[in-house]
Amino acid sequence: MIGVPASAGFVPPSPADFWQPLIGDGAFAITRPMFLIVLTTAAICLVLVLGTRRLSLVPGRGQWALEGVYGFVRNSVGRDVIGASHVRPYLGLLLAIFTLVLVNNLMGITPLVQYPTFSRIGFPIVLAIGVWVVYIGAQVRRNGVGGTLRHLVPAGLPIAAVPVVFVLELLTFLVIRPVTLALRLFGNMFAGHTLLLLFALGGEYMLLHGGAFLKVVSIPTFAIFLFITAFEILVSFLQAYVFVLLTSLYIAEAYADDH
């Protein structure tokens, strides 16, 4: 956290705090979240490779932890939602999404980093587009293009209502669902990080530059900061779980007739 000079007064956090170029400037700058997404992806791959290169029947702590994460995604999300007979092709995707979102969310409360990558809207949008490509592929592969479009209109509708319902469902299918999938993750991480900045910078300003009363008030301000930090750990897990759960729910629609 960067201190605020007393002469400048307290400057509250703003969206500008989320744009932090490391190299260059403008549209082609290499930003802090860009660096973090590469770093966390490489770290996840390294942990998975090292943790699974010597698998044993009686797992060590590292293998046990990785098997726990994999088992949670496979059993509590994939099998329960998509179904045991269809989940296998998607397990790698679900595990990758869960670990990527979780680790990058936790970057928001990691010392010396303190930046959740998905608080930048571009990253959840790209992730949601990737999920949607898989979802549409599953629908088309299972039902064909015509069958996928026919499933958008419930049977038994009056003929006059079919065009309206088709347009609305097509809009939901192609636009609304992926947009809300991205915005849900972005909104939670953006809001959480903004609150952390507000209480950290506000407490710092009151402690270092305020009068006697503000110095006293800074104590509960820092206490609230610590509480929000702990709460963000829970939010990080929940958002990773919700994202992979919704991904599974959308994929499961392609196989709904088999359930």
C-alpha atoms as a PDB file:
ATOM      1  CA  MET A   1       0.000   0.000   0.000  1.00  0.00           C
ATOM      2  CA  ILE A   2       1.286   3.452  -0.921  1.00  0.00           C
ATOM      3  CA  GLY A   3       0.900   6.209   1.634  1.00  0.00           C
ATOM      4  CA  VAL A   4      -0.888   9.432   0.781  1.00  0.00           C
ATOM      5  CA  PRO A   5       0.891  12.742   1.467  1.00  0.00           C
ATOM      6  CA  ALA A   6      -0.840  14.843   4.116  1.00  0.00           C
ATOM      7  CA  SER A   7      -0.879  17.870   1.819  1.00  0.00           C
ATOM      8  CA  ALA A   8      -2.896  15.999  -0.771  1.00  0.00           C
ATOM      9  CA  GLY A   9      -5.651  14.960   1.625  1.00  0.00           C
ATOM     10  CA  PHE A  10      -7.178  11.529   1.573  1.00  0.00           C
ATOM     11  CA  VAL A  11      -7.630  10.172  -1.945  1.00  0.00           C
ATOM     12  CA  PRO A  12     -10.165   7.306  -1.989  1.00  0.00           C
ATOM     13  CA  PRO A  13      -9.553   4.293  -4.226  1.00  0.00           C
ATOM     14  CA  SER A  14     -10.932   4.459  -7.747  1.00  0.00           C
ATOM     15  CA  PRO A  15     -10.932   2.284 -10.896  1.00  0.00           C
ATOM     16  CA  ALA A  16      -7.588   3.919 -11.768  1.00  0.00           C
ATOM     17  CA  ASP A  17      -6.016   1.846  -8.983  1.00  0.00           C
ATOM     18  CA  PHE A  18      -6.774  -1.269 -11.042  1.00  0.00           C
ATOM     19  CA  TRP A  19      -4.721  -0.033 -14.009  1.00  0.00           C
ATOM     20  CA  GLN A  20      -1.116  -0.531 -13.036  1.00  0.00           C
ATOM     21  CA  PRO A  21       1.233  -0.837 -16.033  1.00  0.00           C
ATOM     22  CA  LEU A  22       4.532  -2.565 -15.358  1.00  0.00           C
ATOM     23  CA  ILE A  23       6.087  -2.114 -18.809  1.00  0.00           C
ATOM     24  CA  GLY A  24       4.994   0.527 -21.277  1.00  0.00           C
ATOM     25  CA  ASP A  25       1.762   2.491 -21.270  1.00  0.00           C
ATOM     26  CA  GLY A  26      -1.498   2.732 -23.155  1.00  0.00           C
ATOM     27  CA  ALA A  27      -3.299  -0.130 -24.909  1.00  0.00           C
ATOM     28  CA  PHE A  28      -0.148  -2.241 -25.332  1.00  0.00           C
ATOM     29  CA  ALA A  29       1.209  -1.934 -21.799  1.00  0.00           C
ATOM     30  CA  ILE A  30       2.085  -5.044 -19.826  1.00  0.00           C
ATOM     31  CA  THR A  31       0.026  -4.624 -16.694  1.00  0.00           C
ATOM     32  CA  ARG A  32       0.159  -6.115 -13.226  1.00  0.00           C
ATOM     33  CA  PRO A  33      -2.797  -8.502 -13.773  1.00  0.00           C
ATOM     34  CA  MET A  34      -1.252  -9.690 -17.044  1.00  0.00           C
ATOM     35  CA  PHE A  35       1.919 -10.579 -15.192  1.00  0.00           C
ATOM     36  CA  LEU A  36      -0.059 -12.256 -12.400  1.00  0.00           C
ATOM     37  CA  ILE A  37      -2.138 -14.431 -14.740  1.00  0.00           C
ATOM     38  CA  VAL A  38       1.038 -15.739 -16.386  1.00  0.00           C
ATOM     39  CA  LEU A  39       2.744 -16.248 -13.032  1.00  0.00           C
ATOM     40  CA  THR A  40      -0.187 -18.066 -11.420  1.00  0.00           C
ATOM     41  CA  THR A  41      -0.772 -20.253 -14.482  1.00  0.00           C
ATOM     42  CA  ALA A  42       2.872 -21.289 -14.494  1.00  0.00           C
ATOM     43  CA  ALA A  43       2.769 -21.919 -10.729  1.00  0.00           C
ATOM     44  CA  ILE A  44      -0.362 -24.095 -11.005  1.00  0.00           C
ATOM     45  CA  CYS A  45       1.171 -26.140 -13.823  1.00  0.00           C
ATOM     46  CA  LEU A  46       4.410 -26.572 -11.867  1.00  0.00           C
ATOM     47  CA  VAL A  47       2.585 -27.699  -8.715  1.00  0.00           C
ATOM     48  CA  LEU A  48       0.474 -30.189 -10.674  1.00  0.00           C
ATOM     49  CA  VAL A  49       3.496 -31.631 -12.479  1.00  0.00           C
ATOM     50  CA  LEU A  50       5.654 -31.923  -9.364  1.00  0.00           C
ATOM     51  CA  GLY A  51       2.796 -33.208  -7.229  1.00  0.00           C
ATOM     52  CA  THR A  52       1.834 -36.000  -9.640  1.00  0.00           C
ATOM     53  CA  ARG A  53       5.173 -37.184 -11.036  1.00  0.00           C
ATOM     54  CA  ARG A  54       5.601 -39.825  -8.296  1.00  0.00           C
ATOM     55  CA  LEU A  55       2.145 -41.099  -7.560  1.00  0.00           C
ATOM     56  CA  SER A  56       1.827 -43.764  -4.891  1.00  0.00           C
ATOM     57  CA  LEU A  57      -0.951 -45.882  -3.438  1.00  0.00           C
ATOM     58  CA  VAL A  58      -0.361 -44.255  -0.059  1.00  0.00           C
ATOM     59  CA  PRO A  59      -0.185 -40.548  -0.941  1.00  0.00           C
ATOM     60  CA  GLY A  60       2.116 -38.041   0.702  1.00  0.00           C
ATOM     61  CA  ARG A  61       0.846 -34.662   1.829  1.00  0.00           C
ATOM     62  CA  GLY A  62       1.291 -33.010  -1.560  1.00  0.00           C
ATOM     63  CA  GLN A  63      -0.410 -35.791  -3.492  1.00  0.00           C
ATOM     64  CA  TRP A  64      -3.161 -35.962  -0.867  1.00  0.00           C
ATOM     65  CA  ALA A  65      -3.863 -32.223  -1.217  1.00  0.00           C
ATOM     66  CA  LEU A  66      -3.984 -32.382  -5.023  1.00  0.00           C
ATOM     67  CA  GLU A  67      -6.200 -35.460  -4.941  1.00  0.00           C
ATOM     68  CA  GLY A  68      -8.505 -33.611  -2.544  1.00  0.00           C
ATOM     69  CA  VAL A  69      -8.920 -30.698  -4.962  1.00  0.00           C
ATOM     70  CA  TYR A  70      -9.387 -33.036  -7.920  1.00  0.00           C
ATOM     71  CA  GLY A  71     -11.853 -35.204  -6.002  1.00  0.00           C
ATOM     72  CA  PHE A  72     -13.878 -32.165  -4.964  1.00  0.00           C
ATOM     73  CA  VAL A  73     -14.185 -30.909  -8.543  1.00  0.00           C
ATOM     74  CA  ARG A  74     -14.894 -34.375  -9.940  1.00  0.00           C
ATOM     75  CA  ASN A  75     -17.296 -35.720  -7.334  1.00  0.00           C
ATOM     76  CA  SER A  76     -18.980 -32.671  -5.792  1.00  0.00           C
ATOM     77  CA  VAL A  77     -19.363 -30.715  -9.023  1.00  0.00           C
ATOM     78  CA  GLY A  78     -18.740 -32.700 -12.194  1.00  0.00           C
ATOM     79  CA  ARG A  79     -20.412 -36.016 -11.426  1.00  0.00           C
ATOM     80  CA  ASP A  80     -23.276 -34.525  -9.448  1.00  0.00           C
ATOM     81  CA  VAL A  81     -24.150 -31.934 -12.093  1.00  0.00           C
ATOM     82  CA  ILE A  82     -23.074 -33.269 -15.516  1.00  0.00           C
ATOM     83  CA  GLY A  83     -23.481 -36.941 -14.661  1.00  0.00           C
ATOM     84  CA  ALA A  84     -20.989 -39.765 -14.244  1.00  0.00           C
ATOM     85  CA  SER A  85     -21.435 -40.984 -17.826  1.00  0.00           C
ATOM     86  CA  HIS A  86     -20.634 -37.626 -19.460  1.00  0.00           C
ATOM     87  CA  VAL A  87     -18.273 -35.772 -17.136  1.00  0.00           C
ATOM     88  CA  ARG A  88     -14.947 -37.351 -18.098  1.00  0.00           C
ATOM     89  CA  PRO A  89     -14.170 -35.158 -21.176  1.00  0.00           C
ATOM     90  CA  TYR A  90     -14.744 -32.016 -19.111  1.00  0.00           C
ATOM     91  CA  LEU A  91     -12.818 -32.859 -15.922  1.00  0.00           C
ATOM     92  CA  GLY A  92      -9.626 -31.168 -17.121  1.00  0.00           C
ATOM     93  CA  LEU A  93     -11.526 -27.997 -17.978  1.00  0.00           C
ATOM     94  CA  LEU A  94     -13.376 -27.914 -14.653  1.00  0.00           C
ATOM     95  CA  LEU A  95     -10.195 -28.495 -12.646  1.00  0.00           C
ATOM     96  CA  ALA A  96      -8.330 -25.823 -14.627  1.00  0.00           C
ATOM     97  CA  ILE A  97     -11.120 -23.279 -14.109  1.00  0.00           C
ATOM     98  CA  PHE A  98     -11.425 -23.961 -10.382  1.00  0.00           C
ATOM     99  CA  THR A  99      -7.692 -23.755  -9.644  1.00  0.00           C
ATOM    100  CA  LEU A 100      -7.094 -20.761 -11.917  1.00  0.00           C
ATOM    101  CA  VAL A 101      -9.967 -18.715 -10.471  1.00  0.00           C
ATOM    102  CA  LEU A 102      -9.201 -19.701  -6.873  1.00  0.00           C
ATOM    103  CA  VAL A 103      -5.467 -18.941  -7.001  1.00  0.00           C
ATOM    104  CA  ASN A 104      -5.966 -15.637  -8.819  1.00  0.00           C
ATOM    105  CA  ASN A 105      -8.714 -14.601  -6.399  1.00  0.00           C
ATOM    106  CA  LEU A 106      -6.420 -15.335  -3.456  1.00  0.00           C
ATOM    107  CA  MET A 107      -3.835 -13.002  -4.983  1.00  0.00           C
ATOM    108  CA  GLY A 108      -6.042 -10.214  -3.642  1.00  0.00           C
ATOM    109  CA  ILE A 109      -5.054 -10.986  -0.048  1.00  0.00           C
ATOM    110  CA  THR A 110      -1.531 -12.307  -0.695  1.00  0.00           C
ATOM    111  CA  PRO A 111       1.141 -10.063   0.898  1.00  0.00           C
ATOM    112  CA  LEU A 112       3.286  -8.077  -1.562  1.00  0.00           C
ATOM    113  CA  VAL A 113       0.759  -8.852  -4.332  1.00  0.00           C
ATOM    114  CA  GLN A 114      -2.691  -7.836  -3.056  1.00  0.00           C
ATOM    115  CA  TYR A 115      -4.332  -7.806  -6.456  1.00  0.00           C
ATOM    116  CA  PRO A 116      -7.098 -10.202  -7.569  1.00  0.00           C
ATOM    117  CA  THR A 117      -6.541 -10.757 -11.285  1.00  0.00           C
ATOM    118  CA  PHE A 118     -10.237 -11.175 -12.049  1.00  0.00           C
ATOM    119  CA  SER A 119     -10.990  -7.690 -10.756  1.00  0.00           C
ATOM    120  CA  ARG A 120      -9.969  -6.647 -14.290  1.00  0.00           C
ATOM    121  CA  ILE A 121     -13.034  -7.238 -16.466  1.00  0.00           C
ATOM    122  CA  GLY A 122     -11.071  -8.539 -19.457  1.00  0.00           C
ATOM    123  CA  PHE A 123      -9.951 -11.702 -17.676  1.00  0.00           C
ATOM    124  CA  PRO A 124     -13.383 -13.016 -16.583  1.00  0.00           C
ATOM    125  CA  ILE A 125     -14.749 -12.136 -20.034  1.00  0.00           C
ATOM    126  CA  VAL A 126     -12.108 -14.254 -21.755  1.00  0.00           C
ATOM    127  CA  LEU A 127     -12.703 -17.104 -19.309  1.00  0.00           C
ATOM    128  CA  ALA A 128     -16.477 -16.907 -19.844  1.00  0.00           C
ATOM    129  CA  ILE A 129     -16.010 -16.931 -23.639  1.00  0.00           C
ATOM    130  CA  GLY A 130     -13.872 -20.065 -23.333  1.00  0.00           C
ATOM    131  CA  VAL A 131     -16.576 -21.738 -21.238  1.00  0.00           C
ATOM    132  CA  TRP A 132     -19.201 -20.718 -23.769  1.00  0.00           C
ATOM    133  CA  VAL A 133     -17.269 -22.198 -26.684  1.00  0.00           C
ATOM    134  CA  VAL A 134     -17.188 -25.524 -24.824  1.00  0.00           C
ATOM    135  CA  TYR A 135     -20.879 -25.222 -23.902  1.00  0.00           C
ATOM    136  CA  ILE A 136     -22.019 -24.484 -27.457  1.00  0.00           C
ATOM    137  CA  GLY A 137     -19.728 -27.244 -28.749  1.00  0.00           C
ATOM    138  CA  ALA A 138     -21.333 -29.739 -26.376  1.00  0.00           C
ATOM    139  CA  GLN A 139     -24.821 -28.643 -27.437  1.00  0.00           C
ATOM    140  CA  VAL A 140     -24.073 -28.856 -31.155  1.00  0.00           C
ATOM    141  CA  ARG A 141     -22.179 -32.141 -30.840  1.00  0.00           C
ATOM    142  CA  ARG A 142     -25.050 -33.674 -28.887  1.00  0.00           C
ATOM    143  CA  ASN A 143     -28.105 -32.187 -30.632  1.00  0.00           C
ATOM    144  CA  GLY A 144     -26.805 -30.712 -33.879  1.00  0.00           C
ATOM    145  CA  VAL A 145     -27.313 -27.097 -34.900  1.00  0.00           C
ATOM    146  CA  GLY A 146     -31.004 -27.571 -35.680  1.00  0.00           C
ATOM    147  CA  GLY A 147     -31.675 -29.503 -32.485  1.00  0.00           C
ATOM    148  CA  THR A 148     -29.891 -26.882 -30.396  1.00  0.00           C
ATOM    149  CA  LEU A 149     -32.029 -24.120 -31.909  1.00  0.00           C
ATOM    150  CA  ARG A 150     -35.220 -26.140 -31.510  1.00  0.00           C
ATOM    151  CA  HIS A 151     -34.493 -26.672 -27.811  1.00  0.00           C
ATOM    152  CA  LEU A 152     -34.633 -22.910 -27.313  1.00  0.00           C
ATOM    153  CA  VAL A 153     -38.412 -22.917 -27.780  1.00  0.00           C
ATOM    154  CA  PRO A 154     -40.483 -24.989 -25.315  1.00  0.00           C
ATOM    155  CA  ALA A 155     -43.022 -27.331 -26.857  1.00  0.00           C
ATOM    156  CA  GLY A 156     -46.663 -26.303 -26.795  1.00  0.00           C
ATOM    157  CA  LEU A 157     -46.219 -22.555 -27.213  1.00  0.00           C
ATOM    158  CA  PRO A 158     -48.779 -20.652 -29.301  1.00  0.00           C
ATOM    159  CA  ILE A 159     -47.458 -20.019 -32.804  1.00  0.00           C
ATOM    160  CA  ALA A 160     -47.609 -16.244 -32.321  1.00  0.00           C
ATOM    161  CA  ALA A 161     -45.336 -16.443 -29.276  1.00  0.00           C
ATOM    162  CA  VAL A 162     -42.673 -18.629 -30.893  1.00  0.00           C
ATOM    163  CA  PRO A 163     -40.701 -15.824 -32.659  1.00  0.00           C
ATOM    164  CA  VAL A 164     -40.596 -13.667 -29.515  1.00  0.00           C
ATOM    165  CA  VAL A 165     -39.561 -16.535 -27.250  1.00  0.00           C
ATOM    166  CA  PHE A 166     -36.972 -17.739 -29.792  1.00  0.00           C
ATOM    167  CA  VAL A 167     -35.311 -14.318 -29.999  1.00  0.00           C
ATOM    168  CA  LEU A 168     -35.264 -13.920 -26.203  1.00  0.00           C
ATOM    169  CA  GLU A 169     -33.897 -17.426 -25.641  1.00  0.00           C
ATOM    170  CA  LEU A 170     -31.290 -16.984 -28.389  1.00  0.00           C
ATOM    171  CA  LEU A 171     -30.190 -13.721 -26.779  1.00  0.00           C
ATOM    172  CA  THR A 172     -29.947 -15.494 -23.412  1.00  0.00           C
ATOM    173  CA  PHE A 173     -28.101 -18.436 -24.954  1.00  0.00           C
ATOM    174  CA  LEU A 174     -25.497 -16.390 -26.828  1.00  0.00           C
ATOM    175  CA  VAL A 175     -25.126 -13.162 -24.810  1.00  0.00           C
ATOM    176  CA  ILE A 176     -26.798 -12.903 -21.419  1.00  0.00           C
ATOM    177  CA  ARG A 177     -25.458 -16.098 -19.854  1.00  0.00           C
ATOM    178  CA  PRO A 178     -21.769 -15.570 -20.719  1.00  0.00           C
ATOM    179  CA  VAL A 179     -21.968 -11.880 -19.778  1.00  0.00           C
ATOM    180  CA  THR A 180     -23.524 -12.612 -16.385  1.00  0.00           C
ATOM    181  CA  LEU A 181     -21.022 -15.424 -15.808  1.00  0.00           C
ATOM    182  CA  ALA A 182     -18.172 -12.946 -16.300  1.00  0.00           C
ATOM    183  CA  LEU A 183     -19.790 -10.026 -14.452  1.00  0.00           C
ATOM    184  CA  ARG A 184     -20.567 -12.119 -11.367  1.00  0.00           C
ATOM    185  CA  LEU A 185     -16.891 -12.989 -10.879  1.00  0.00           C
ATOM    186  CA  PHE A 186     -15.645  -9.527 -11.829  1.00  0.00           C
ATOM    187  CA  GLY A 187     -18.119  -7.669  -9.605  1.00  0.00           C
ATOM    188  CA  ASN A 188     -17.305  -9.667  -6.487  1.00  0.00           C
ATOM    189  CA  MET A 189     -13.537  -9.374  -6.873  1.00  0.00           C
ATOM    190  CA  PHE A 190     -13.655  -5.695  -7.874  1.00  0.00           C
ATOM    191  CA  ALA A 191     -15.895  -4.753  -4.941  1.00  0.00           C
ATOM    192  CA  GLY A 192     -13.857  -6.759  -2.438  1.00  0.00           C
ATOM    193  CA  HIS A 193     -10.559  -5.257  -3.536  1.00  0.00           C
ATOM    194  CA  THR A 194     -12.019  -1.749  -3.499  1.00  0.00           C
ATOM    195  CA  LEU A 195     -13.170  -2.237   0.099  1.00  0.00           C
ATOM    196  CA  LEU A 196      -9.746  -3.526   1.114  1.00  0.00           C
ATOM    197  CA  LEU A 197      -8.096  -0.487  -0.462  1.00  0.00           C
ATOM    198  CA  LEU A 198     -10.580   1.882   1.171  1.00  0.00           C
ATOM    199  CA  PHE A 199     -10.061   0.631   4.726  1.00  0.00           C
ATOM    200  CA  ALA A 200      -6.299   0.093   4.357  1.00  0.00           C
ATOM    201  CA  LEU A 201      -5.582   3.492   2.832  1.00  0.00           C
ATOM    202  CA  GLY A 202      -8.144   5.226   5.052  1.00  0.00           C
ATOM    203  CA  GLY A 203      -6.690   3.665   8.196  1.00  0.00           C
ATOM    204  CA  GLU A 204      -3.155   4.532   7.082  1.00  0.00           C
ATOM    205  CA  TYR A 205      -4.109   8.152   6.396  1.00  0.00           C
ATOM    206  CA  MET A 206      -5.875   8.592   9.753  1.00  0.00           C
ATOM    207  CA  LEU A 207      -3.001   6.982  11.659  1.00  0.00           C
ATOM    208  CA  LEU A 208      -0.191   8.919   9.985  1.00  0.00           C
ATOM    209  CA  HIS A 209      -1.814  12.242   9.070  1.00  0.00           C
ATOM    210  CA  GLY A 210      -4.915  12.641  11.258  1.00  0.00           C
ATOM    211  CA  GLY A 211      -5.403  14.282  14.614  1.00  0.00           C
ATOM    212  CA  ALA A 212      -5.684  12.474  17.938  1.00  0.00           C
ATOM    213  CA  PHE A 213      -9.296  11.437  17.364  1.00  0.00           C
ATOM    214  CA  LEU A 214      -8.596  10.074  13.858  1.00  0.00           C
ATOM    215  CA  LYS A 215      -5.607   8.128  15.168  1.00  0.00           C
ATOM    216  CA  VAL A 216      -7.937   6.382  17.626  1.00  0.00           C
ATOM    217  CA  VAL A 217     -10.530   5.759  14.898  1.00  0.00           C
ATOM    218  CA  SER A 218      -7.824   4.176  12.732  1.00  0.00           C
ATOM    219  CA  ILE A 219      -7.683   1.202  15.118  1.00  0.00           C
ATOM    220  CA  PRO A 220     -11.206  -0.117  14.357  1.00  0.00           C
ATOM    221  CA  THR A 221     -10.606   0.811  10.704  1.00  0.00           C
ATOM    222  CA  PHE A 222      -7.653  -1.571  10.544  1.00  0.00           C
ATOM    223  CA  ALA A 223      -9.723  -4.165  12.448  1.00  0.00           C
ATOM    224  CA  ILE A 224     -12.411  -3.957   9.755  1.00  0.00           C
ATOM    225  CA  PHE A 225      -9.664  -4.274   7.130  1.00  0.00           C
ATOM    226  CA  LEU A 226      -8.509  -7.539   8.743  1.00  0.00           C
ATOM    227  CA  PHE A 227     -12.105  -8.803   8.907  1.00  0.00           C
ATOM    228  CA  ILE A 228     -12.677  -8.029   5.207  1.00  0.00           C
ATOM    229  CA  THR A 229      -9.394  -9.752   4.374  1.00  0.00           C
ATOM    230  CA  ALA A 230     -10.599 -12.925   6.122  1.00  0.00           C
ATOM    231  CA  PHE A 231     -13.978 -12.599   4.426  1.00  0.00           C
ATOM    232  CA  GLU A 232     -12.259 -12.288   1.041  1.00  0.00           C
ATOM    233  CA  ILE A 233     -10.720 -15.735   1.568  1.00  0.00           C
ATOM    234  CA  LEU A 234     -14.249 -17.153   1.804  1.00  0.00           C
ATOM    235  CA  VAL A 235     -15.387 -15.117  -1.203  1.00  0.00           C
ATOM    236  CA  SER A 236     -12.406 -16.360  -3.221  1.00  0.00           C
ATOM    237  CA  PHE A 237     -13.384 -19.989  -2.632  1.00  0.00           C
ATOM    238  CA  LEU A 238     -17.081 -19.305  -3.226  1.00  0.00           C
ATOM    239  CA  GLN A 239     -16.505 -17.498  -6.518  1.00  0.00           C
ATOM    240  CA  ALA A 240     -14.249 -20.277  -7.815  1.00  0.00           C
ATOM    241  CA  TYR A 241     -16.889 -22.837  -6.804  1.00  0.00           C
ATOM    242  CA  VAL A 242     -19.782 -20.850  -8.297  1.00  0.00           C
ATOM    243  CA  PHE A 243     -17.958 -20.330 -11.586  1.00  0.00           C
ATOM    244  CA  VAL A 244     -17.133 -24.017 -12.031  1.00  0.00           C
ATOM    245  CA  LEU A 245     -20.615 -25.011 -10.820  1.00  0.00           C
ATOM    246  CA  LEU A 246     -22.340 -22.785 -13.391  1.00  0.00           C
ATOM    247  CA  THR A 247     -19.972 -24.092 -16.065  1.00  0.00           C
ATOM    248  CA  SER A 248     -21.061 -27.630 -15.174  1.00  0.00           C
ATOM    249  CA  LEU A 249     -24.739 -26.652 -15.169  1.00  0.00           C
ATOM    250  CA  TYR A 250     -24.503 -25.168 -18.642  1.00  0.00           C
ATOM    251  CA  ILE A 251     -22.643 -28.192 -20.034  1.00  0.00           C
ATOM    252  CA  ALA A 252     -25.192 -30.493 -18.354  1.00  0.00           C
ATOM    253  CA  GLU A 253     -27.972 -28.925 -20.445  1.00  0.00           C
ATOM    254  CA  ALA A 254     -26.595 -30.709 -23.500  1.00  0.00           C
ATOM    255  CA  TYR A 255     -27.170 -34.049 -21.757  1.00  0.00           C
ATOM    256  CA  ALA A 256     -30.393 -33.167 -19.939  1.00  0.00           C
ATOM    257  CA  ASP A 257     -32.440 -35.827 -21.778  1.00  0.00           C
ATOM    258  CA  ASP A 258     -30.167 -38.546 -20.378  1.00  0.00           C
ATOM    259  CA  HIS A 259     -30.665 -37.563 -16.698  1.00  0.00           C
END
